[in-house]
Amino acid sequence: MNTINLIDELRQRSLIFHITNESKLKELIKNNFISLYCGFDPTEESLHIGHLLPLITLKRFQIFGHKPIVLIGGATSLIGDPSFKIKERLLKSDDLIYQWTLKISQQISLFLDFNSNFNSALILNNNSWFKKINILSFLRDIGKNFSINTMINRESVKQRIQRADQ
């Protein structure tokens, strides 16, 4: 294991603002190799400058022996944007999202090592498991755990409903 404290190094590089349970995380990565992930939605054909910091952070973890996992949102990018944005994300075709997924995966491969031994980076696409989910099974098994009232009371949902009524 590397004797330099990775968390302190990331903080010195201004790559960390806040950590929950920092002492536990430091202890965990001091004595173990972990896997960590970062998600990227292929909503355009290329990465942008905002993707650089998470990729650098994944790379630093990999240099210290940890396993980076990149989660491409091939399924989640097919649906609207749940953020506070005024305009909903324009829906793109399955084929276009697939093409963008390939391009972004190629770009990410320039940052991480996918051919090292125990900590080779991994790219997963959430479409590979979401496409297998049946809507009725999902609503029965997963949907029952979410309250519609709670969702409607979220500010982002309220704003969307108000805009739709106008």
N, C-alpha and C. Protein backbone atom coordinates (compact mmCIF):
# COMPACT_ATOMS: atom_id res chain seq x y z
N MET A 1 0.84 -1.19 0.00
CA MET A 1 0.00 0.00 0.00
C MET A 1 0.89 1.25 0.00
N ASN A 2 0.39 2.28 -0.59
CA ASN A 2 1.11 3.54 -0.65
C ASN A 2 1.04 4.24 0.70
N THR A 3 2.17 4.76 1.16
CA THR A 3 2.18 5.39 2.49
C THR A 3 1.67 6.83 2.46
N ILE A 4 1.62 7.45 1.30
CA ILE A 4 1.08 8.81 1.19
C ILE A 4 -0.43 8.72 1.36
N ASN A 5 -1.00 9.65 2.09
CA ASN A 5 -2.44 9.64 2.31
C ASN A 5 -3.14 10.20 1.07
N LEU A 6 -3.89 9.35 0.40
CA LEU A 6 -4.57 9.74 -0.84
C LEU A 6 -5.55 10.88 -0.62
N ILE A 7 -6.31 10.84 0.45
CA ILE A 7 -7.30 11.89 0.70
C ILE A 7 -6.62 13.24 0.88
N ASP A 8 -5.51 13.26 1.63
CA ASP A 8 -4.78 14.52 1.80
C ASP A 8 -4.22 15.02 0.47
N GLU A 9 -3.75 14.09 -0.37
CA GLU A 9 -3.24 14.49 -1.68
C GLU A 9 -4.36 15.08 -2.54
N LEU A 10 -5.52 14.44 -2.53
CA LEU A 10 -6.64 14.96 -3.32
C LEU A 10 -7.07 16.34 -2.81
N ARG A 11 -7.02 16.52 -1.50
CA ARG A 11 -7.38 17.82 -0.93
C ARG A 11 -6.34 18.87 -1.35
N GLN A 12 -5.06 18.52 -1.33
CA GLN A 12 -4.01 19.47 -1.75
C GLN A 12 -4.18 19.86 -3.21
N ARG A 13 -4.71 18.97 -4.01
CA ARG A 13 -4.95 19.24 -5.43
C ARG A 13 -6.30 19.91 -5.66
N SER A 14 -6.99 20.26 -4.58
CA SER A 14 -8.32 20.90 -4.63
C SER A 14 -9.35 20.04 -5.34
N LEU A 15 -9.23 18.73 -5.19
CA LEU A 15 -10.18 17.81 -5.78
C LEU A 15 -11.25 17.35 -4.79
N ILE A 16 -11.12 17.79 -3.53
CA ILE A 16 -12.10 17.44 -2.51
C ILE A 16 -12.57 18.71 -1.82
N PHE A 17 -13.87 18.81 -1.66
CA PHE A 17 -14.45 19.91 -0.90
C PHE A 17 -14.95 19.40 0.45
N HIS A 18 -15.70 18.30 0.44
CA HIS A 18 -16.29 17.76 1.66
C HIS A 18 -16.37 16.24 1.56
N ILE A 19 -16.14 15.57 2.68
CA ILE A 19 -16.24 14.11 2.74
C ILE A 19 -17.05 13.73 3.97
N THR A 20 -17.99 12.82 3.80
CA THR A 20 -18.71 12.27 4.93
C THR A 20 -17.86 11.15 5.53
N ASN A 21 -17.73 11.13 6.84
CA ASN A 21 -16.94 10.10 7.54
C ASN A 21 -15.50 10.01 7.02
N GLU A 22 -14.85 11.15 6.96
CA GLU A 22 -13.50 11.19 6.40
C GLU A 22 -12.54 10.26 7.11
N SER A 23 -12.57 10.23 8.43
CA SER A 23 -11.62 9.37 9.16
C SER A 23 -11.84 7.90 8.82
N LYS A 24 -13.10 7.49 8.66
CA LYS A 24 -13.39 6.10 8.29
C LYS A 24 -12.88 5.80 6.88
N LEU A 25 -13.08 6.74 5.97
CA LEU A 25 -12.61 6.54 4.61
C LEU A 25 -11.09 6.45 4.57
N LYS A 26 -10.42 7.34 5.29
CA LYS A 26 -8.95 7.30 5.33
C LYS A 26 -8.45 5.96 5.86
N GLU A 27 -9.08 5.48 6.91
CA GLU A 27 -8.68 4.20 7.50
C GLU A 27 -8.95 3.06 6.53
N LEU A 28 -10.10 3.10 5.87
CA LEU A 28 -10.46 2.06 4.91
C LEU A 28 -9.45 1.98 3.78
N ILE A 29 -9.13 3.11 3.15
CA ILE A 29 -8.22 3.06 2.00
C ILE A 29 -6.76 2.93 2.39
N LYS A 30 -6.48 3.17 3.67
CA LYS A 30 -5.11 2.95 4.16
C LYS A 30 -4.81 1.46 4.24
N ASN A 31 -5.82 0.68 4.59
CA ASN A 31 -5.60 -0.75 4.84
C ASN A 31 -6.21 -1.67 3.78
N ASN A 32 -6.94 -1.11 2.83
CA ASN A 32 -7.62 -1.93 1.82
C ASN A 32 -7.62 -1.24 0.47
N PHE A 33 -7.74 -2.05 -0.55
CA PHE A 33 -8.00 -1.52 -1.87
C PHE A 33 -9.51 -1.55 -2.06
N ILE A 34 -10.06 -0.46 -2.56
CA ILE A 34 -11.51 -0.38 -2.73
C ILE A 34 -11.85 -0.21 -4.21
N SER A 35 -13.10 -0.38 -4.52
CA SER A 35 -13.65 -0.02 -5.83
C SER A 35 -14.45 1.25 -5.64
N LEU A 36 -14.39 2.14 -6.60
CA LEU A 36 -15.18 3.36 -6.56
C LEU A 36 -15.70 3.63 -7.96
N TYR A 37 -16.80 4.36 -8.03
CA TYR A 37 -17.37 4.60 -9.35
C TYR A 37 -17.72 6.07 -9.52
N CYS A 38 -17.87 6.42 -10.80
CA CYS A 38 -18.38 7.73 -11.16
C CYS A 38 -19.25 7.51 -12.39
N GLY A 39 -20.38 8.22 -12.44
CA GLY A 39 -21.30 8.05 -13.54
C GLY A 39 -21.20 9.16 -14.57
N PHE A 40 -21.42 8.80 -15.82
CA PHE A 40 -21.38 9.73 -16.94
C PHE A 40 -22.58 9.44 -17.84
N ASP A 41 -23.45 10.42 -18.04
CA ASP A 41 -24.59 10.25 -18.94
C ASP A 41 -24.19 10.71 -20.34
N PRO A 42 -24.36 9.86 -21.34
CA PRO A 42 -24.04 10.25 -22.72
C PRO A 42 -25.17 11.09 -23.33
N THR A 43 -25.29 12.32 -22.86
CA THR A 43 -26.33 13.21 -23.37
C THR A 43 -25.83 14.06 -24.54
N GLU A 44 -24.56 13.96 -24.81
CA GLU A 44 -23.93 14.58 -25.97
C GLU A 44 -22.87 13.61 -26.47
N GLU A 45 -22.25 13.93 -27.60
CA GLU A 45 -21.32 12.97 -28.20
C GLU A 45 -19.92 12.97 -27.58
N SER A 46 -19.67 13.91 -26.67
CA SER A 46 -18.32 14.04 -26.14
C SER A 46 -18.35 14.42 -24.66
N LEU A 47 -17.28 14.08 -23.99
CA LEU A 47 -17.09 14.59 -22.64
C LEU A 47 -16.89 16.10 -22.71
N HIS A 48 -17.05 16.79 -21.58
CA HIS A 48 -16.78 18.22 -21.53
C HIS A 48 -15.89 18.50 -20.33
N ILE A 49 -15.51 19.73 -20.15
CA ILE A 49 -14.56 20.11 -19.11
C ILE A 49 -15.02 19.69 -17.71
N GLY A 50 -16.33 19.64 -17.49
CA GLY A 50 -16.86 19.24 -16.19
C GLY A 50 -16.58 17.79 -15.84
N HIS A 51 -16.22 16.97 -16.83
CA HIS A 51 -15.89 15.57 -16.58
C HIS A 51 -14.44 15.39 -16.15
N LEU A 52 -13.63 16.42 -16.32
CA LEU A 52 -12.20 16.27 -16.06
C LEU A 52 -11.89 15.98 -14.59
N LEU A 53 -12.50 16.71 -13.67
CA LEU A 53 -12.19 16.50 -12.25
C LEU A 53 -12.54 15.09 -11.76
N PRO A 54 -13.73 14.57 -12.09
CA PRO A 54 -13.99 13.20 -11.65
C PRO A 54 -13.05 12.18 -12.29
N LEU A 55 -12.67 12.39 -13.55
CA LEU A 55 -11.74 11.47 -14.18
C LEU A 55 -10.35 11.53 -13.55
N ILE A 56 -9.90 12.72 -13.22
CA ILE A 56 -8.61 12.86 -12.54
C ILE A 56 -8.66 12.16 -11.18
N THR A 57 -9.78 12.32 -10.47
CA THR A 57 -9.92 11.68 -9.17
C THR A 57 -9.91 10.16 -9.30
N LEU A 58 -10.65 9.63 -10.27
CA LEU A 58 -10.61 8.19 -10.51
C LEU A 58 -9.19 7.72 -10.81
N LYS A 59 -8.47 8.49 -11.62
CA LYS A 59 -7.09 8.13 -11.96
C LYS A 59 -6.20 8.13 -10.74
N ARG A 60 -6.34 9.13 -9.87
CA ARG A 60 -5.52 9.18 -8.65
C ARG A 60 -5.79 7.95 -7.77
N PHE A 61 -7.06 7.59 -7.62
CA PHE A 61 -7.39 6.39 -6.85
C PHE A 61 -6.75 5.17 -7.48
N GLN A 62 -6.79 5.08 -8.82
CA GLN A 62 -6.22 3.92 -9.49
C GLN A 62 -4.70 3.86 -9.28
N ILE A 63 -4.04 5.00 -9.35
CA ILE A 63 -2.59 5.04 -9.12
C ILE A 63 -2.25 4.50 -7.74
N PHE A 64 -3.15 4.74 -6.78
CA PHE A 64 -2.93 4.27 -5.41
C PHE A 64 -3.41 2.83 -5.21
N GLY A 65 -3.79 2.14 -6.29
CA GLY A 65 -4.12 0.73 -6.21
C GLY A 65 -5.60 0.39 -6.16
N HIS A 66 -6.45 1.39 -6.19
CA HIS A 66 -7.89 1.15 -6.11
C HIS A 66 -8.48 0.94 -7.51
N LYS A 67 -9.66 0.33 -7.57
CA LYS A 67 -10.29 -0.03 -8.84
C LYS A 67 -11.37 0.97 -9.23
N PRO A 68 -11.15 1.74 -10.32
CA PRO A 68 -12.18 2.67 -10.78
C PRO A 68 -13.21 1.98 -11.67
N ILE A 69 -14.46 2.31 -11.42
CA ILE A 69 -15.56 1.80 -12.25
C ILE A 69 -16.27 3.02 -12.84
N VAL A 70 -16.39 3.02 -14.15
CA VAL A 70 -17.10 4.08 -14.85
C VAL A 70 -18.48 3.54 -15.20
N LEU A 71 -19.50 4.25 -14.76
CA LEU A 71 -20.87 3.84 -15.05
C LEU A 71 -21.44 4.79 -16.10
N ILE A 72 -21.64 4.26 -17.30
CA ILE A 72 -22.23 5.04 -18.38
C ILE A 72 -23.74 4.92 -18.28
N GLY A 73 -24.44 6.04 -18.29
CA GLY A 73 -25.89 6.05 -18.15
C GLY A 73 -26.61 5.89 -19.47
N GLY A 74 -26.36 4.78 -20.16
CA GLY A 74 -27.00 4.54 -21.44
C GLY A 74 -28.51 4.46 -21.34
N ALA A 75 -29.03 4.00 -20.21
CA ALA A 75 -30.49 3.94 -20.01
C ALA A 75 -31.01 5.25 -19.46
N THR A 76 -30.35 5.79 -18.45
CA THR A 76 -30.85 7.00 -17.81
C THR A 76 -30.79 8.20 -18.75
N SER A 77 -29.89 8.18 -19.72
CA SER A 77 -29.83 9.30 -20.66
C SER A 77 -30.96 9.24 -21.69
N LEU A 78 -31.70 8.15 -21.71
CA LEU A 78 -32.83 8.03 -22.62
C LEU A 78 -34.09 8.70 -22.08
N ILE A 79 -34.04 9.11 -20.80
CA ILE A 79 -35.22 9.73 -20.19
C ILE A 79 -34.93 11.19 -19.89
N GLY A 80 -35.92 11.92 -19.47
CA GLY A 80 -35.77 13.35 -19.20
C GLY A 80 -34.86 13.63 -18.02
N ASP A 81 -34.43 14.84 -17.93
CA ASP A 81 -33.52 15.29 -16.88
C ASP A 81 -34.33 15.67 -15.64
N PRO A 82 -34.05 15.04 -14.49
CA PRO A 82 -34.83 15.32 -13.28
C PRO A 82 -34.36 16.54 -12.49
N SER A 83 -33.49 17.33 -13.05
CA SER A 83 -32.92 18.46 -12.31
C SER A 83 -33.88 19.65 -12.33
N PHE A 84 -33.41 20.78 -11.81
CA PHE A 84 -34.20 22.00 -11.74
C PHE A 84 -34.17 22.80 -13.04
N LYS A 85 -33.63 22.22 -14.11
CA LYS A 85 -33.55 22.95 -15.36
C LYS A 85 -34.94 23.31 -15.85
N ILE A 86 -35.03 24.47 -16.46
CA ILE A 86 -36.32 24.96 -16.95
C ILE A 86 -36.83 24.08 -18.09
N LYS A 87 -35.95 23.77 -19.01
CA LYS A 87 -36.36 22.96 -20.15
C LYS A 87 -35.93 21.51 -19.92
N GLU A 88 -36.84 20.62 -20.26
CA GLU A 88 -36.52 19.20 -20.16
C GLU A 88 -35.52 18.84 -21.25
N ARG A 89 -34.67 17.88 -20.93
CA ARG A 89 -33.69 17.42 -21.90
C ARG A 89 -34.43 16.84 -23.12
N LEU A 90 -33.98 17.21 -24.31
CA LEU A 90 -34.57 16.65 -25.52
C LEU A 90 -34.24 15.16 -25.59
N LEU A 91 -35.25 14.37 -25.85
CA LEU A 91 -35.05 12.93 -25.89
C LEU A 91 -34.34 12.54 -27.18
N LYS A 92 -33.38 11.65 -27.05
CA LYS A 92 -32.57 11.19 -28.18
C LYS A 92 -32.92 9.73 -28.48
N SER A 93 -32.59 9.28 -29.68
CA SER A 93 -32.88 7.90 -30.08
C SER A 93 -31.92 6.93 -29.39
N ASP A 94 -32.36 5.68 -29.29
CA ASP A 94 -31.52 4.63 -28.71
C ASP A 94 -30.19 4.52 -29.46
N ASP A 95 -30.26 4.58 -30.79
CA ASP A 95 -29.07 4.44 -31.60
C ASP A 95 -28.09 5.59 -31.37
N LEU A 96 -28.60 6.81 -31.29
CA LEU A 96 -27.73 7.96 -31.05
C LEU A 96 -27.06 7.86 -29.68
N ILE A 97 -27.82 7.50 -28.65
CA ILE A 97 -27.25 7.32 -27.31
C ILE A 97 -26.18 6.23 -27.33
N TYR A 98 -26.44 5.16 -28.05
CA TYR A 98 -25.45 4.08 -28.17
C TYR A 98 -24.16 4.59 -28.81
N GLN A 99 -24.28 5.36 -29.89
CA GLN A 99 -23.10 5.92 -30.56
C GLN A 99 -22.33 6.84 -29.62
N TRP A 100 -23.05 7.69 -28.90
CA TRP A 100 -22.40 8.60 -27.96
C TRP A 100 -21.73 7.83 -26.82
N THR A 101 -22.35 6.73 -26.40
CA THR A 101 -21.76 5.89 -25.36
C THR A 101 -20.41 5.35 -25.82
N LEU A 102 -20.35 4.89 -27.05
CA LEU A 102 -19.08 4.38 -27.59
C LEU A 102 -18.02 5.48 -27.62
N LYS A 103 -18.39 6.66 -28.10
CA LYS A 103 -17.43 7.77 -28.19
C LYS A 103 -16.91 8.18 -26.81
N ILE A 104 -17.83 8.31 -25.86
CA ILE A 104 -17.43 8.72 -24.51
C ILE A 104 -16.57 7.64 -23.86
N SER A 105 -16.90 6.38 -24.08
CA SER A 105 -16.09 5.28 -23.54
C SER A 105 -14.67 5.34 -24.09
N GLN A 106 -14.54 5.64 -25.37
CA GLN A 106 -13.21 5.78 -25.98
C GLN A 106 -12.44 6.93 -25.35
N GLN A 107 -13.12 8.04 -25.11
CA GLN A 107 -12.45 9.19 -24.48
C GLN A 107 -12.02 8.85 -23.06
N ILE A 108 -12.87 8.18 -22.32
CA ILE A 108 -12.54 7.81 -20.94
C ILE A 108 -11.35 6.86 -20.91
N SER A 109 -11.23 6.00 -21.92
CA SER A 109 -10.13 5.03 -21.95
C SER A 109 -8.76 5.71 -22.04
N LEU A 110 -8.73 6.99 -22.41
CA LEU A 110 -7.47 7.72 -22.46
C LEU A 110 -7.01 8.15 -21.07
N PHE A 111 -7.90 8.13 -20.09
CA PHE A 111 -7.58 8.58 -18.74
C PHE A 111 -7.22 7.45 -17.79
N LEU A 112 -7.81 6.28 -17.97
CA LEU A 112 -7.67 5.20 -17.00
C LEU A 112 -6.98 4.00 -17.64
N ASP A 113 -6.42 3.16 -16.79
CA ASP A 113 -5.72 1.95 -17.25
C ASP A 113 -6.70 0.79 -17.19
N PHE A 114 -7.01 0.22 -18.35
CA PHE A 114 -7.94 -0.91 -18.43
C PHE A 114 -7.21 -2.24 -18.57
N ASN A 115 -5.88 -2.21 -18.48
CA ASN A 115 -5.10 -3.43 -18.67
C ASN A 115 -4.10 -3.67 -17.54
N SER A 116 -4.38 -3.14 -16.36
CA SER A 116 -3.51 -3.46 -15.23
C SER A 116 -4.02 -4.75 -14.60
N ASN A 117 -3.36 -5.20 -13.60
CA ASN A 117 -3.73 -6.49 -13.03
C ASN A 117 -5.01 -6.41 -12.21
N PHE A 118 -4.88 -6.29 -10.92
CA PHE A 118 -6.02 -6.38 -10.01
C PHE A 118 -6.91 -5.15 -10.00
N ASN A 119 -6.41 -4.01 -10.47
CA ASN A 119 -7.22 -2.80 -10.40
C ASN A 119 -7.48 -2.17 -11.77
N SER A 120 -7.65 -3.02 -12.76
CA SER A 120 -8.01 -2.51 -14.09
C SER A 120 -9.34 -1.78 -14.00
N ALA A 121 -9.40 -0.65 -14.68
CA ALA A 121 -10.66 0.11 -14.71
C ALA A 121 -11.71 -0.70 -15.47
N LEU A 122 -12.94 -0.40 -15.17
CA LEU A 122 -14.07 -1.11 -15.76
C LEU A 122 -15.10 -0.09 -16.20
N ILE A 123 -15.67 -0.29 -17.39
CA ILE A 123 -16.78 0.55 -17.86
C ILE A 123 -18.02 -0.33 -17.93
N LEU A 124 -19.07 0.13 -17.27
CA LEU A 124 -20.37 -0.55 -17.29
C LEU A 124 -21.41 0.42 -17.85
N ASN A 125 -22.40 -0.12 -18.53
CA ASN A 125 -23.48 0.68 -19.09
C ASN A 125 -24.77 0.23 -18.41
N ASN A 126 -25.45 1.15 -17.73
CA ASN A 126 -26.66 0.76 -17.00
C ASN A 126 -27.77 0.28 -17.93
N ASN A 127 -27.67 0.54 -19.22
CA ASN A 127 -28.66 0.02 -20.15
C ASN A 127 -28.61 -1.50 -20.23
N SER A 128 -27.46 -2.10 -19.92
CA SER A 128 -27.34 -3.55 -20.01
C SER A 128 -28.24 -4.27 -19.01
N TRP A 129 -28.56 -3.63 -17.89
CA TRP A 129 -29.49 -4.28 -16.96
C TRP A 129 -30.87 -3.63 -16.98
N PHE A 130 -30.97 -2.34 -17.23
CA PHE A 130 -32.29 -1.70 -17.26
C PHE A 130 -33.14 -2.19 -18.43
N LYS A 131 -32.52 -2.51 -19.56
CA LYS A 131 -33.31 -2.95 -20.72
C LYS A 131 -34.00 -4.29 -20.47
N LYS A 132 -33.56 -5.01 -19.45
CA LYS A 132 -34.15 -6.32 -19.14
C LYS A 132 -35.32 -6.21 -18.15
N ILE A 133 -35.58 -5.02 -17.64
CA ILE A 133 -36.60 -4.86 -16.61
C ILE A 133 -37.98 -4.69 -17.25
N ASN A 134 -38.91 -5.48 -16.81
CA ASN A 134 -40.30 -5.40 -17.23
C ASN A 134 -40.98 -4.32 -16.40
N ILE A 135 -41.77 -3.45 -17.02
CA ILE A 135 -42.37 -2.31 -16.32
C ILE A 135 -43.29 -2.76 -15.19
N LEU A 136 -44.07 -3.80 -15.40
CA LEU A 136 -44.97 -4.25 -14.34
C LEU A 136 -44.19 -4.83 -13.16
N SER A 137 -43.17 -5.58 -13.45
CA SER A 137 -42.34 -6.12 -12.36
C SER A 137 -41.65 -4.98 -11.61
N PHE A 138 -41.20 -4.00 -12.35
CA PHE A 138 -40.54 -2.85 -11.72
C PHE A 138 -41.51 -2.11 -10.80
N LEU A 139 -42.69 -1.82 -11.29
CA LEU A 139 -43.67 -1.10 -10.46
C LEU A 139 -44.06 -1.91 -9.23
N ARG A 140 -44.22 -3.21 -9.40
CA ARG A 140 -44.60 -4.08 -8.29
C ARG A 140 -43.48 -4.20 -7.26
N ASP A 141 -42.26 -4.46 -7.73
CA ASP A 141 -41.16 -4.77 -6.82
C ASP A 141 -40.41 -3.54 -6.32
N ILE A 142 -40.28 -2.53 -7.15
CA ILE A 142 -39.49 -1.35 -6.80
C ILE A 142 -40.39 -0.15 -6.50
N GLY A 143 -41.35 0.11 -7.37
CA GLY A 143 -42.21 1.28 -7.24
C GLY A 143 -42.94 1.35 -5.91
N LYS A 144 -43.25 0.21 -5.33
CA LYS A 144 -43.98 0.20 -4.06
C LYS A 144 -43.19 0.86 -2.93
N ASN A 145 -41.90 1.04 -3.12
CA ASN A 145 -41.05 1.63 -2.09
C ASN A 145 -40.98 3.16 -2.16
N PHE A 146 -41.68 3.75 -3.13
CA PHE A 146 -41.62 5.19 -3.33
C PHE A 146 -43.01 5.80 -3.21
N SER A 147 -43.09 6.87 -2.46
CA SER A 147 -44.37 7.55 -2.27
C SER A 147 -44.56 8.62 -3.34
N ILE A 148 -45.69 8.57 -4.02
CA ILE A 148 -46.01 9.60 -5.01
C ILE A 148 -46.12 10.96 -4.33
N ASN A 149 -46.70 11.00 -3.13
CA ASN A 149 -46.83 12.26 -2.40
C ASN A 149 -45.48 12.89 -2.14
N THR A 150 -44.52 12.08 -1.74
CA THR A 150 -43.16 12.59 -1.49
C THR A 150 -42.56 13.16 -2.77
N MET A 151 -42.74 12.44 -3.87
CA MET A 151 -42.18 12.89 -5.14
C MET A 151 -42.83 14.20 -5.59
N ILE A 152 -44.16 14.29 -5.48
CA ILE A 152 -44.87 15.50 -5.92
C ILE A 152 -44.48 16.71 -5.07
N ASN A 153 -44.11 16.48 -3.83
CA ASN A 153 -43.73 17.58 -2.95
C ASN A 153 -42.29 18.05 -3.14
N ARG A 154 -41.53 17.37 -3.95
CA ARG A 154 -40.17 17.83 -4.25
C ARG A 154 -40.25 19.09 -5.10
N GLU A 155 -39.40 20.03 -4.80
CA GLU A 155 -39.45 21.33 -5.49
C GLU A 155 -39.29 21.18 -7.00
N SER A 156 -38.38 20.30 -7.43
CA SER A 156 -38.17 20.15 -8.88
C SER A 156 -39.42 19.62 -9.57
N VAL A 157 -40.14 18.72 -8.92
CA VAL A 157 -41.36 18.17 -9.51
C VAL A 157 -42.46 19.23 -9.50
N LYS A 158 -42.57 19.97 -8.41
CA LYS A 158 -43.57 21.05 -8.33
C LYS A 158 -43.37 22.05 -9.47
N GLN A 159 -42.12 22.43 -9.70
CA GLN A 159 -41.84 23.40 -10.75
C GLN A 159 -42.21 22.85 -12.13
N ARG A 160 -41.90 21.58 -12.37
CA ARG A 160 -42.25 20.97 -13.65
C ARG A 160 -43.75 20.93 -13.85
N ILE A 161 -44.48 20.57 -12.80
CA ILE A 161 -45.94 20.51 -12.90
C ILE A 161 -46.51 21.90 -13.15
N GLN A 162 -46.00 22.91 -12.45
CA GLN A 162 -46.47 24.28 -12.64
C GLN A 162 -46.20 24.76 -14.06
N ARG A 163 -45.03 24.45 -14.60
CA ARG A 163 -44.70 24.87 -15.96
C ARG A 163 -45.59 24.17 -16.98
N ALA A 164 -45.93 22.91 -16.71
CA ALA A 164 -46.79 22.16 -17.63
C ALA A 164 -48.21 22.73 -17.64
N ASP A 165 -48.64 23.28 -16.51
CA ASP A 165 -49.99 23.85 -16.41
C ASP A 165 -50.10 25.21 -17.10
N GLN A 166 -49.00 25.84 -17.38
CA GLN A 166 -49.03 27.20 -17.94
C GLN A 166 -49.20 27.19 -19.44
